[in-house]
Amino acid sequence: MASEPRVDGTAPMDYAEHERTYAFFVGLTKWGTISLVILMILMAIFLL
């Protein structure tokens, strides 16, 4: 029954794929933020 389409025609949600995508997004956001902070610190040191 879990693999049958819903009444509205959509497929059931794949929670494992959702969790992998969310973990990728959080990791990318974390490392992107860390990289930008390091870039700003280096710019403050060398350009001021």
N, C-alpha and C. Protein backbone atom coordinates (compact mmCIF):
# COMPACT_ATOMS: atom_id res chain seq x y z
N MET A 1 0.82 -1.19 0.00
CA MET A 1 0.00 0.00 0.00
C MET A 1 0.87 1.26 0.00
N ALA A 2 2.03 1.20 0.58
CA ALA A 2 2.88 2.39 0.63
C ALA A 2 3.40 2.78 -0.74
N SER A 3 3.51 1.83 -1.66
CA SER A 3 4.05 2.15 -2.98
C SER A 3 2.97 2.57 -3.98
N GLU A 4 1.72 2.47 -3.59
CA GLU A 4 0.63 2.87 -4.48
C GLU A 4 0.56 4.39 -4.56
N PRO A 5 0.21 4.93 -5.71
CA PRO A 5 0.07 6.38 -5.81
C PRO A 5 -1.09 6.87 -4.94
N ARG A 6 -0.97 8.10 -4.53
CA ARG A 6 -2.03 8.69 -3.70
C ARG A 6 -3.23 9.05 -4.56
N VAL A 7 -4.29 9.49 -3.90
CA VAL A 7 -5.51 9.86 -4.59
C VAL A 7 -5.27 11.05 -5.53
N ASP A 8 -4.38 11.97 -5.11
CA ASP A 8 -4.12 13.14 -5.94
C ASP A 8 -3.11 12.85 -7.07
N GLY A 9 -2.64 11.60 -7.20
CA GLY A 9 -1.77 11.22 -8.31
C GLY A 9 -0.29 11.38 -8.05
N THR A 10 0.10 11.84 -6.87
CA THR A 10 1.52 12.00 -6.57
C THR A 10 2.08 10.73 -5.96
N ALA A 11 3.38 10.55 -6.10
CA ALA A 11 4.05 9.40 -5.52
C ALA A 11 4.33 9.67 -4.04
N PRO A 12 4.45 8.63 -3.24
CA PRO A 12 4.80 8.84 -1.83
C PRO A 12 6.21 9.42 -1.71
N MET A 13 6.46 10.15 -0.65
CA MET A 13 7.74 10.83 -0.47
C MET A 13 8.84 9.83 -0.12
N ASP A 14 10.00 10.01 -0.74
CA ASP A 14 11.16 9.17 -0.47
C ASP A 14 11.97 9.86 0.63
N TYR A 15 11.77 9.44 1.88
CA TYR A 15 12.40 10.12 3.02
C TYR A 15 13.91 9.96 3.04
N ALA A 16 14.43 8.82 2.60
CA ALA A 16 15.88 8.64 2.58
C ALA A 16 16.53 9.64 1.62
N GLU A 17 15.94 9.81 0.46
CA GLU A 17 16.47 10.79 -0.51
C GLU A 17 16.33 12.21 0.01
N HIS A 18 15.23 12.48 0.68
CA HIS A 18 15.01 13.81 1.26
C HIS A 18 16.07 14.11 2.31
N GLU A 19 16.39 13.14 3.17
CA GLU A 19 17.39 13.36 4.20
C GLU A 19 18.79 13.54 3.61
N ARG A 20 19.12 12.79 2.54
CA ARG A 20 20.42 12.97 1.88
C ARG A 20 20.52 14.36 1.25
N THR A 21 19.46 14.81 0.61
CA THR A 21 19.46 16.13 -0.01
C THR A 21 19.59 17.22 1.04
N TYR A 22 18.87 17.07 2.15
CA TYR A 22 18.94 18.06 3.22
C TYR A 22 20.35 18.10 3.83
N ALA A 23 20.95 16.93 4.05
CA ALA A 23 22.31 16.89 4.61
C ALA A 23 23.30 17.56 3.65
N PHE A 24 23.13 17.34 2.35
CA PHE A 24 23.99 17.98 1.35
C PHE A 24 23.82 19.49 1.40
N PHE A 25 22.57 19.96 1.48
CA PHE A 25 22.30 21.39 1.53
C PHE A 25 22.90 22.04 2.77
N VAL A 26 22.73 21.38 3.92
CA VAL A 26 23.27 21.93 5.17
C VAL A 26 24.79 21.96 5.12
N GLY A 27 25.41 20.90 4.62
CA GLY A 27 26.87 20.87 4.50
C GLY A 27 27.39 21.93 3.55
N LEU A 28 26.72 22.09 2.42
CA LEU A 28 27.13 23.11 1.45
C LEU A 28 26.98 24.51 2.04
N THR A 29 25.91 24.75 2.76
CA THR A 29 25.70 26.05 3.40
C THR A 29 26.76 26.31 4.46
N LYS A 30 27.06 25.29 5.26
CA LYS A 30 28.06 25.44 6.32
C LYS A 30 29.43 25.77 5.73
N TRP A 31 29.88 24.98 4.76
CA TRP A 31 31.21 25.21 4.20
C TRP A 31 31.26 26.47 3.36
N GLY A 32 30.17 26.85 2.73
CA GLY A 32 30.13 28.11 2.01
C GLY A 32 30.26 29.30 2.94
N THR A 33 29.59 29.23 4.08
CA THR A 33 29.67 30.31 5.07
C THR A 33 31.06 30.40 5.66
N ILE A 34 31.64 29.26 6.00
CA ILE A 34 33.01 29.25 6.54
C ILE A 34 33.99 29.83 5.52
N SER A 35 33.84 29.46 4.27
CA SER A 35 34.73 29.98 3.22
C SER A 35 34.61 31.49 3.08
N LEU A 36 33.38 31.99 3.12
CA LEU A 36 33.20 33.44 3.00
C LEU A 36 33.76 34.20 4.20
N VAL A 37 33.61 33.64 5.39
CA VAL A 37 34.17 34.29 6.58
C VAL A 37 35.69 34.34 6.47
N ILE A 38 36.31 33.26 6.04
CA ILE A 38 37.76 33.25 5.86
C ILE A 38 38.18 34.26 4.79
N LEU A 39 37.43 34.33 3.71
CA LEU A 39 37.73 35.30 2.66
C LEU A 39 37.65 36.72 3.19
N MET A 40 36.62 37.02 3.96
CA MET A 40 36.47 38.38 4.52
C MET A 40 37.61 38.70 5.49
N ILE A 41 38.01 37.74 6.29
CA ILE A 41 39.13 37.97 7.22
C ILE A 41 40.42 38.24 6.45
N LEU A 42 40.67 37.45 5.42
CA LEU A 42 41.87 37.65 4.63
C LEU A 42 41.85 39.00 3.89
N MET A 43 40.68 39.38 3.41
CA MET A 43 40.56 40.69 2.75
C MET A 43 40.80 41.82 3.74
N ALA A 44 40.31 41.67 4.97
CA ALA A 44 40.53 42.71 5.97
C ALA A 44 42.00 42.82 6.33
N ILE A 45 42.68 41.69 6.36
CA ILE A 45 44.12 41.71 6.72
C ILE A 45 44.96 42.32 5.60
N PHE A 46 44.73 41.88 4.38
CA PHE A 46 45.63 42.26 3.28
C PHE A 46 45.21 43.51 2.51
N LEU A 47 43.97 43.92 2.63
CA LEU A 47 43.53 45.08 1.85
C LEU A 47 43.36 46.35 2.67
N LEU A 48 43.45 46.24 3.97
CA LEU A 48 43.31 47.45 4.79
C LEU A 48 44.63 47.92 5.32
